[in-house]
Structures are given as C-alpha cells and as structure tokens.
Protein backbone atom coordinates (compact mmCIF):
# COMPACT_ATOMS: atom_id res chain seq x y z
CA MET A 1 37.00 -79.69 102.67
CA LEU A 2 36.42 -76.41 100.78
CA ASP A 3 38.36 -73.48 102.02
CA ALA A 4 35.70 -70.97 101.88
CA LYS A 5 37.76 -68.03 103.30
CA LYS A 6 40.29 -68.59 100.26
CA LEU A 7 37.46 -68.87 97.69
CA LEU A 8 35.90 -65.50 99.08
CA ASP A 9 39.43 -63.97 98.74
CA GLN A 10 39.50 -65.38 95.04
CA PHE A 11 35.93 -64.21 94.42
CA LEU A 12 36.94 -60.69 95.13
CA GLY A 13 40.05 -60.80 93.16
CA SER A 14 42.58 -60.34 96.21
CA GLU A 15 44.48 -63.64 95.36
CA ILE A 16 45.95 -62.91 92.19
CA PRO A 17 49.53 -64.42 91.37
CA GLY A 18 52.04 -62.81 89.38
CA LEU A 19 51.51 -59.22 90.96
CA THR A 20 54.51 -57.09 92.71
CA GLY A 21 54.70 -53.82 94.42
CA THR A 22 52.74 -52.09 97.14
CA VAL A 23 48.89 -52.57 97.28
CA LYS A 24 48.10 -49.94 95.29
CA GLU A 25 50.64 -50.85 92.52
CA ARG A 26 48.90 -54.33 92.86
CA ALA A 27 45.72 -52.90 92.37
CA GLY A 28 46.68 -51.29 89.45
CA GLN A 29 48.10 -54.19 87.78
CA ALA A 30 45.24 -56.12 88.68
CA GLY A 31 42.94 -53.43 86.70
CA ASP A 32 44.97 -54.07 83.68
CA MET A 33 44.85 -57.52 83.80
CA ALA A 34 40.88 -57.28 84.52
CA ARG A 35 40.36 -55.06 81.60
CA ASN A 36 42.13 -57.26 79.39
CA ASN A 37 41.50 -60.71 80.57
CA PRO A 38 39.06 -60.52 83.77
CA TRP A 39 38.75 -64.45 83.93
CA LYS A 40 42.64 -64.58 84.46
CA THR A 41 42.49 -62.21 87.61
CA GLY A 42 40.86 -64.85 89.57
CA ALA A 43 37.97 -62.38 90.54
CA ILE A 44 34.99 -64.84 89.97
CA ALA A 45 32.71 -61.57 90.36
CA ALA A 46 33.90 -60.33 87.11
CA LEU A 47 32.96 -63.76 85.69
CA LEU A 48 29.62 -63.75 86.89
CA LEU A 49 28.56 -59.94 86.18
CA GLY A 50 30.40 -59.89 82.77
CA THR A 51 29.88 -55.86 83.02
CA LYS A 52 32.04 -52.87 83.88
CA THR A 53 30.83 -53.10 87.36
CA GLY A 54 32.47 -56.36 87.60
CA ARG A 55 35.74 -55.34 86.40
CA SER A 56 35.76 -52.14 88.50
CA LEU A 57 34.97 -54.36 91.48
CA THR A 58 38.05 -56.46 90.69
CA GLU A 59 40.35 -53.46 90.79
CA ASN A 60 39.14 -51.94 94.06
CA ALA A 61 38.32 -55.23 95.73
CA VAL A 62 42.02 -55.98 95.21
CA LYS A 63 43.19 -52.96 97.78
CA LEU A 64 40.88 -54.21 100.32
CA GLY A 65 41.44 -57.98 99.92
CA GLY A 66 38.40 -60.49 99.68
CA VAL A 67 37.46 -61.31 103.51
CA ALA A 68 38.80 -58.07 104.67
CA ALA A 69 36.93 -56.07 102.00
CA VAL A 70 33.56 -57.44 103.47
CA ALA A 71 34.90 -57.22 107.06
CA GLY A 72 36.36 -54.04 107.08
CA LEU A 73 33.34 -52.17 105.36
CA GLY A 74 30.71 -53.83 107.20
CA TYR A 75 32.68 -52.77 110.63
CA LEU A 76 32.92 -49.23 109.27
CA ALA A 77 29.40 -49.15 108.47
CA TYR A 78 28.20 -50.62 111.67
CA GLN A 79 30.38 -48.66 113.83
CA ASN A 80 29.18 -45.41 112.20
CA TYR A 81 25.60 -46.39 112.77
CA LYS A 82 26.25 -47.13 116.43
CA ALA A 83 27.84 -43.81 116.91
CA GLY A 84 24.92 -41.98 115.78
CA LYS A 85 26.94 -40.48 112.57
CA MET A 86 25.14 -39.48 109.47
CA PRO A 87 26.13 -41.43 106.30
CA GLU A 88 28.04 -39.27 104.06
CA GLN A 89 27.08 -39.31 100.43
CA ALA A 90 30.56 -40.50 99.35
CA ALA A 91 31.70 -39.83 95.84
CA PRO A 92 33.18 -42.62 93.92
CA ALA A 93 36.77 -42.81 95.14
CA THR A 94 39.70 -42.34 92.61
CA PRO A 95 43.40 -44.07 92.68
CA ALA A 96 44.63 -40.58 94.16
CA ASN A 97 42.10 -40.20 96.64
CA ALA A 98 40.74 -43.89 97.48
CA PRO A 99 40.48 -43.99 101.30
CA GLU A 100 42.30 -46.58 103.39
CA LEU A 101 40.31 -49.19 104.96
CA LEU A 102 41.49 -50.60 108.12
CA PRO A 103 40.73 -54.07 109.33
CA PRO A 104 38.24 -54.48 112.36
CA PRO A 105 40.01 -54.88 115.94
CA ALA A 106 40.90 -58.33 116.80
CA GLU A 107 38.40 -58.59 119.47
CA SER A 108 35.63 -57.50 116.87
CA PRO A 109 33.11 -60.00 115.69
CA PHE A 110 33.87 -58.60 112.25
CA HIS A 111 37.28 -59.89 112.29
CA PRO A 112 38.06 -62.45 109.94
CA GLN A 113 39.77 -64.52 112.65
CA SER A 114 37.04 -64.04 115.20
CA GLY A 115 34.95 -67.07 116.11
CA GLU A 116 31.99 -65.78 114.59
CA PHE A 117 33.82 -65.67 111.07
CA SER A 118 33.76 -69.53 110.63
CA ASN A 119 34.36 -71.19 107.10
CA ASP A 120 30.70 -72.07 106.88
CA PHE A 121 29.73 -68.48 107.00
CA ALA A 122 32.46 -67.50 104.73
CA LEU A 123 30.86 -69.74 102.26
CA THR A 124 27.27 -68.08 103.16
CA LEU A 125 28.88 -64.62 102.20
CA VAL A 126 29.96 -66.51 98.66
CA ARG A 127 26.30 -67.44 98.33
CA ALA A 128 24.96 -64.10 99.20
CA MET A 129 27.47 -62.58 96.25
CA ILE A 130 26.06 -65.30 93.85
CA ALA A 131 22.74 -64.60 94.78
CA ALA A 132 23.17 -60.94 94.01
CA ALA A 133 25.01 -61.56 90.80
CA LYS A 134 21.85 -63.51 89.59
CA ALA A 135 19.10 -61.29 90.96
CA ASP A 136 18.62 -59.63 87.58
CA GLY A 137 18.23 -62.87 85.94
CA HIS A 138 20.64 -62.54 83.19
CA ILE A 139 22.50 -65.77 84.02
CA ASP A 140 20.72 -68.46 81.87
CA ALA A 141 22.15 -71.93 80.94
CA ASP A 142 24.26 -70.53 78.07
CA GLU A 143 25.88 -68.01 80.25
CA ARG A 144 26.17 -70.35 83.05
CA LYS A 145 28.30 -72.75 80.80
CA GLN A 146 30.38 -69.49 79.45
CA ILE A 147 31.13 -68.74 83.08
CA MET A 148 32.20 -72.26 84.10
CA GLU A 149 34.47 -72.37 81.16
CA LYS A 150 36.33 -69.45 82.28
CA VAL A 151 36.07 -70.61 86.21
CA HIS A 152 37.91 -73.64 84.76
CA ALA A 153 40.88 -71.71 83.27
CA VAL A 154 41.09 -69.90 86.73
CA ASP A 155 41.71 -73.54 88.19
CA LEU A 156 40.23 -73.07 91.37
CA GLY A 157 40.11 -76.81 91.89
CA ALA A 158 37.17 -79.48 91.38
CA GLU A 159 35.41 -79.15 94.83
CA ALA A 160 35.37 -75.30 94.38
CA GLU A 161 34.18 -75.46 90.58
CA ALA A 162 31.46 -77.91 91.58
CA PHE A 163 30.10 -75.68 94.35
CA LEU A 164 30.03 -72.66 91.84
CA GLU A 165 28.44 -74.48 89.24
CA ALA A 166 25.71 -75.88 91.90
CA GLU A 167 25.11 -72.45 93.19
CA LEU A 168 24.73 -70.70 89.70
CA ALA A 169 22.29 -73.46 88.45
CA ASN A 170 20.13 -73.55 91.94
CA PRO A 171 17.41 -70.75 92.26
CA ILE A 172 18.37 -68.10 94.67
CA ASP A 173 17.52 -69.52 98.27
CA LEU A 174 16.99 -66.16 100.49
CA ASP A 175 15.76 -68.10 103.60
CA ALA A 176 18.91 -69.98 103.76
CA LEU A 177 21.11 -66.73 103.49
CA VAL A 178 18.77 -65.10 106.37
CA THR A 179 18.85 -68.12 108.68
CA ALA A 180 22.76 -68.68 108.46
CA ALA A 181 22.96 -64.96 109.92
CA ARG A 182 23.22 -65.73 113.90
CA THR A 183 24.31 -62.21 114.82
CA GLU A 184 23.58 -58.49 113.89
CA GLU A 185 27.21 -58.31 112.43
CA GLN A 186 26.80 -61.36 110.26
CA LYS A 187 23.64 -59.64 108.89
CA VAL A 188 25.27 -56.72 108.12
CA GLU A 189 28.16 -58.74 106.35
CA ILE A 190 25.60 -60.84 104.33
CA TYR A 191 24.19 -57.52 103.02
CA THR A 192 27.66 -55.56 102.53
CA ALA A 193 29.08 -58.80 100.44
CA SER A 194 25.76 -58.58 98.43
CA ARG A 195 25.92 -54.77 97.74
CA LEU A 196 29.77 -54.83 97.39
CA THR A 197 29.14 -57.55 94.57
CA ILE A 198 26.42 -55.32 92.36
CA GLU A 199 25.63 -51.97 91.14
CA PRO A 200 21.61 -51.79 91.85
CA ASP A 201 21.09 -50.31 88.30
CA SER A 202 18.07 -52.39 87.62
CA ARG A 203 14.68 -52.68 89.47
CA ALA A 204 15.38 -56.13 90.01
CA GLU A 205 18.80 -55.75 91.47
CA ARG A 206 17.35 -52.85 93.69
CA GLY A 207 14.51 -54.70 94.48
CA TYR A 208 16.41 -57.76 95.77
CA LEU A 209 18.90 -55.57 97.87
CA ASP A 210 15.77 -54.12 99.53
CA LEU A 211 14.18 -57.45 100.13
CA LEU A 212 17.14 -58.93 101.55
CA ALA A 213 17.69 -55.98 104.02
CA GLY A 214 13.89 -56.18 104.98
CA ARG A 215 14.23 -60.27 105.42
CA LEU A 216 17.75 -59.74 107.33
CA GLY A 217 15.77 -56.96 109.54
CA LEU A 218 18.40 -54.46 108.95
CA PRO A 219 17.31 -50.67 109.99
CA ASP A 220 17.02 -48.34 107.06
CA ALA A 221 19.70 -46.20 108.83
CA LEU A 222 22.39 -48.99 108.85
CA ILE A 223 21.47 -49.80 105.39
CA ASP A 224 22.48 -46.07 104.36
CA HIS A 225 25.82 -46.37 106.13
CA ILE A 226 26.44 -49.59 104.41
CA GLU A 227 25.76 -48.13 101.07
CA ALA A 228 28.10 -45.14 101.92
CA ALA A 229 30.59 -47.71 102.88
CA VAL A 230 30.80 -49.47 99.75
CA ALA A 231 30.25 -46.52 97.48
CA SER A 232 33.87 -44.87 99.24
CA ALA A 233 35.34 -48.24 98.27
CA LYS A 234 34.71 -48.35 94.46
CA THR A 235 35.76 -46.25 91.72
CA LYS A 236 33.67 -45.71 88.46
CA ALA A 237 34.28 -48.23 85.70
CA VAL A 238 36.05 -47.01 82.38
C-alpha cells in the first residue's frame, strides 16, 4: 500500500537524507541542495514547478515538515479565523525572523495522527498539490517525461512513481478533490496544501485557487487567513 503520508513529506522536502544539525541548519543545507540539484532533495514540488517558487518552497517546507506544514498552517489559519482575528498582511519571512510553527494539539482534527487524517486523505493532499502545480498548464508531455526521469532518480519506489505519473497525465479532477473533504478542517487543508505548492502569479493559477475555494465553500475571510499563514511561512526565492 502506498504510504501517502510519507509521500506527502517527500513532496514538500521534509525527508531528505544526509542532513544534520538543528532544524534551521537542516533547512539551510536543504536550500543549498535544492538550488544546485532540486531533484536530489526529495522535494517533488520543486520538480513539478521547476521554478524559483518551487525551490523556495523546498527550503522553507523543510523547516516545517511535509504533513506538519499543511496541518500546522491550516490549524493556525482556522483558529485565527474562528477567533475573529484580522489576517495580518505578513511580510515574507527570512531565515532570521522565520516564525516558529507549532503542531496542532493532539485532540485537534488537524493533527496528523488524528482519526480524520487518514492515509487516503494524505493522498488527497498530494493530488491537490499536483493539481495546483498543473493549474497554469505548463506541464505538457515532454515536461512530464523530464519530471518522471528526475522522480526516478529520487528513488521513491515503483508504486509512488506510478501514482505520480498517472496524476501528472490525468486532467485535474476538481470534483474528486472537493468530495474527498468530509469536514471543514479537511477543506482548509486541501486549500492550504494547494496554496503552499504555488505562488499564484498567473491568472490561471489565481483563477484555479479562487475556483477551488469556491467549490470547497470556504469563506473569503478564512481564505484571507490561509493566505496570510502561508505567506508567513515562505521566504522570497533567490
């Protein structure tokens, strides 16, 4: 059975062999690796995007962890929204002032070990990230071939490779993503995972995220909180 939670970690680059030291030190090492050889970091998002956005995501997601990044950011945004706070227009973080992101409480539906966070839902989050990466339509047949060659070099295993190849080839299935969310917390995580994957610099990407938010039925105020939480967790690509 495909270990979707592990794949989600690898997708965001939190499982990178050969890194040592503190979390911040490992993040710096991973950033150097990502800039030089992004496909060797295990951050599949960097392979899909092939842009500075992807490489920046690799460096910063390492600080948070794959599953923990989605769960922690989703929880933070949701709690701030429920508390009636105003979303801050967070400036992109730097290595010196990057905020600490705490994991959700054990009793929270956002916690990666909660009953709500199943292997199937972790797979849904990976699908959501792939869909977001494909939103601007830049991944054609040749690009898919190049991506899969690099994915093979990461050695994720035959089952994971087959899954990624199929998801890259298939059209975006927004209906499947929406129906996979059974709770409001899961809807938040699907949008958070999608937004964490890309920077909506094109009309196609912004339009996709707006459509996803609308289909998930997420209020504009909650989307603003998710946007602020994600912005606070990313640094500007260099």
